[in-house]
Amino acid sequence: MSEFMLVLSKNLLRDNKYGMMFRVSVGALISFLDAVTDIYVSFSYYANGLESKADALLAMIAANVVLQLLIVAVQSIDRSWGKTLVEVLVTIFFLRPAVDAYRVSSTGRRKTKAIVDPFVEMLLNKGVELATESIPGCVLQIYVCLTTPEEAGKYALLSIAVNALT
């Protein structure tokens, strides 16, 4: 009986509009937490004398933001300057995953005026985040925790866990 309920609930989450909203919202929250914990860990690296590691982690975050800003630039070809500025600020303040999740859950796969639809834009942004920040940042933080656990800080494990969840 419990296996049947599990299959039923998985199918409901997969096929239901609210299931998709739940999945993309949780993903957006984890992505935001990933950026926040990475920035915090960078500052703790600076405080503990690991400047080169902190610089590398901040460079990964900057690469993520720059590449997502390029996606915004391409998507904003037909948009006004005001809307483009809002998109730039959303990206700079690490709110891109939440905005992408909202657009996907509210518009779905409907045709929009943008170059690519919201789902494809979300996939592009998530791929950029994984390739430039989450995976390399996780590897770097694991390396630092293994080589210098005292200097890594007590929240480094939380940041590694959030990176892995992302």
Protein backbone atom coordinates (compact mmCIF):
# COMPACT_ATOMS: atom_id res chain seq x y z
CA MET A 1 0.00 0.00 0.00
CA SER A 2 2.80 2.44 0.85
CA GLU A 3 4.50 1.78 -2.51
CA PHE A 4 1.27 2.63 -4.30
CA MET A 5 0.94 5.90 -2.38
CA LEU A 6 4.54 6.77 -3.16
CA VAL A 7 4.04 6.21 -6.90
CA LEU A 8 0.80 8.17 -6.81
CA SER A 9 2.38 11.12 -5.01
CA LYS A 10 5.39 11.17 -7.37
CA ASN A 11 3.06 11.22 -10.39
CA LEU A 12 1.02 14.01 -8.87
CA LEU A 13 4.13 16.09 -8.19
CA ARG A 14 5.40 15.45 -11.71
CA ASP A 15 2.18 16.17 -13.59
CA ASN A 16 0.58 18.81 -11.40
CA LYS A 17 1.23 22.51 -11.97
CA TYR A 18 1.77 22.99 -8.23
CA GLY A 19 4.27 20.13 -8.15
CA MET A 20 6.35 21.94 -10.76
CA MET A 21 6.02 25.19 -8.82
CA PHE A 22 7.21 23.40 -5.68
CA ARG A 23 10.23 21.88 -7.44
CA VAL A 24 11.38 25.10 -9.12
CA SER A 25 10.77 27.13 -5.94
CA VAL A 26 12.85 24.78 -3.82
CA GLY A 27 15.58 24.87 -6.47
CA ALA A 28 15.50 28.67 -6.50
CA LEU A 29 15.77 28.84 -2.72
CA ILE A 30 18.72 26.45 -2.70
CA SER A 31 20.46 28.43 -5.46
CA PHE A 32 20.03 31.66 -3.50
CA LEU A 33 21.35 30.00 -0.34
CA ASP A 34 24.29 28.69 -2.38
CA ALA A 35 25.35 32.21 -3.36
CA VAL A 36 24.86 33.57 0.16
CA THR A 37 26.84 30.78 1.84
CA ASP A 38 29.63 31.04 -0.75
CA ILE A 39 29.99 34.76 -0.09
CA TYR A 40 30.02 34.16 3.66
CA VAL A 41 32.64 31.43 3.31
CA SER A 42 34.75 33.77 1.15
CA PHE A 43 34.78 36.36 3.90
CA SER A 44 35.64 33.72 6.49
CA TYR A 45 38.54 32.62 4.25
CA TYR A 46 39.80 36.20 4.18
CA ALA A 47 39.52 36.42 7.97
CA ASN A 48 41.48 33.17 8.42
CA GLY A 49 44.34 33.99 6.05
CA LEU A 50 43.16 31.99 3.02
CA GLU A 51 43.17 34.92 0.61
CA SER A 52 43.91 32.93 -2.54
CA LYS A 53 41.05 30.51 -1.83
CA ALA A 54 38.69 33.40 -1.12
CA ASP A 55 39.74 35.12 -4.35
CA ALA A 56 39.09 31.92 -6.29
CA LEU A 57 35.64 31.50 -4.75
CA LEU A 58 34.73 35.12 -5.45
CA ALA A 59 36.00 34.73 -9.03
CA MET A 60 33.65 31.78 -9.48
CA ILE A 61 30.73 33.83 -8.19
CA ALA A 62 31.71 36.72 -10.48
CA ALA A 63 31.95 34.41 -13.50
CA ASN A 64 28.47 33.14 -12.74
CA VAL A 65 27.06 36.66 -12.54
CA VAL A 66 28.86 37.85 -15.70
CA LEU A 67 27.65 34.92 -17.79
CA GLN A 68 24.10 35.33 -16.51
CA LEU A 69 24.32 39.03 -17.39
CA LEU A 70 25.26 38.00 -20.93
CA ILE A 71 22.10 35.89 -21.06
CA VAL A 72 20.14 38.92 -19.80
CA ALA A 73 21.71 41.07 -22.53
CA VAL A 74 20.66 38.63 -25.23
CA GLN A 75 17.17 38.30 -23.78
CA SER A 76 16.83 42.11 -23.46
CA ILE A 77 17.36 42.99 -27.12
CA ASP A 78 13.69 43.97 -27.55
CA ARG A 79 13.11 45.21 -24.00
CA SER A 80 13.11 48.76 -22.69
CA TRP A 81 16.01 50.10 -20.65
CA GLY A 82 13.90 50.02 -17.50
CA LYS A 83 13.04 46.34 -17.86
CA THR A 84 16.65 45.55 -18.73
CA LEU A 85 17.84 47.39 -15.61
CA VAL A 86 15.44 45.35 -13.47
CA GLU A 87 16.80 42.13 -15.00
CA VAL A 88 20.39 43.25 -14.34
CA LEU A 89 19.60 44.05 -10.70
CA VAL A 90 17.82 40.71 -10.27
CA THR A 91 20.97 38.98 -11.53
CA ILE A 92 23.41 41.03 -9.45
CA PHE A 93 21.45 40.41 -6.22
CA PHE A 94 21.30 36.63 -6.88
CA LEU A 95 17.53 36.63 -7.33
CA ARG A 96 17.72 35.15 -10.85
CA PRO A 97 16.74 31.60 -9.77
CA ALA A 98 13.64 32.88 -7.97
CA VAL A 99 12.56 35.06 -10.90
CA ASP A 100 13.18 32.23 -13.36
CA ALA A 101 11.16 29.86 -11.15
CA TYR A 102 8.29 32.33 -10.99
CA ARG A 103 8.28 32.82 -14.75
CA VAL A 104 8.35 29.10 -15.45
CA SER A 105 5.57 28.37 -12.97
CA SER A 106 3.38 31.25 -14.15
CA THR A 107 3.90 31.08 -17.92
CA GLY A 108 4.85 27.43 -18.38
CA ARG A 109 5.87 26.74 -21.95
CA ARG A 110 3.68 29.45 -23.54
CA LYS A 111 5.20 31.59 -26.26
CA THR A 112 6.64 34.90 -25.04
CA LYS A 113 8.28 37.89 -26.76
CA ALA A 114 11.71 36.90 -25.45
CA ILE A 115 14.40 35.25 -27.59
CA VAL A 116 14.00 31.98 -25.69
CA ASP A 117 11.09 30.90 -23.53
CA PRO A 118 11.31 31.11 -19.71
CA PHE A 119 11.97 27.39 -19.29
CA VAL A 120 14.99 27.46 -21.62
CA GLU A 121 16.25 30.64 -19.95
CA MET A 122 15.99 28.95 -16.55
CA LEU A 123 17.91 25.94 -17.88
CA LEU A 124 20.63 28.18 -19.31
CA ASN A 125 21.00 30.14 -16.08
CA LYS A 126 21.05 26.97 -13.99
CA GLY A 127 23.67 25.41 -16.25
CA VAL A 128 25.84 28.51 -15.96
CA GLU A 129 25.45 28.48 -12.19
CA LEU A 130 26.38 24.81 -11.92
CA ALA A 131 29.37 25.11 -14.27
CA THR A 132 30.87 28.29 -12.85
CA GLU A 133 29.92 28.43 -9.19
CA SER A 134 28.27 25.42 -7.57
CA ILE A 135 30.41 22.50 -8.72
CA PRO A 136 33.82 24.25 -8.73
CA GLY A 137 32.97 26.03 -5.48
CA CYS A 138 32.02 22.76 -3.84
CA VAL A 139 35.27 21.14 -4.98
CA LEU A 140 37.33 24.09 -3.71
CA GLN A 141 35.57 24.16 -0.36
CA ILE A 142 36.00 20.41 0.11
CA TYR A 143 39.71 20.81 -0.68
CA VAL A 144 40.06 23.61 1.85
CA CYS A 145 38.16 21.63 4.50
CA LEU A 146 40.40 18.62 3.97
CA THR A 147 43.70 20.49 3.91
CA THR A 148 43.07 23.21 6.51
CA PRO A 149 39.98 22.33 8.55
CA GLU A 150 40.72 24.86 11.31
CA GLU A 151 40.93 27.80 8.90
CA ALA A 152 37.95 26.72 6.81
CA GLY A 153 35.47 27.84 9.44
CA LYS A 154 32.54 26.14 11.08
CA TYR A 155 30.01 27.07 8.38
CA ALA A 156 32.09 25.60 5.55
CA LEU A 157 30.31 22.25 5.87
CA LEU A 158 26.94 23.97 5.54
CA SER A 159 28.13 25.73 2.40
CA ILE A 160 29.43 22.44 0.98
CA ALA A 161 26.08 20.80 1.68
CA VAL A 162 24.18 23.63 -0.03
CA ASN A 163 26.57 23.47 -3.00
CA ALA A 164 25.97 19.74 -3.28
CA LEU A 165 22.19 20.23 -3.11
CA THR A 166 22.39 22.80 -5.87
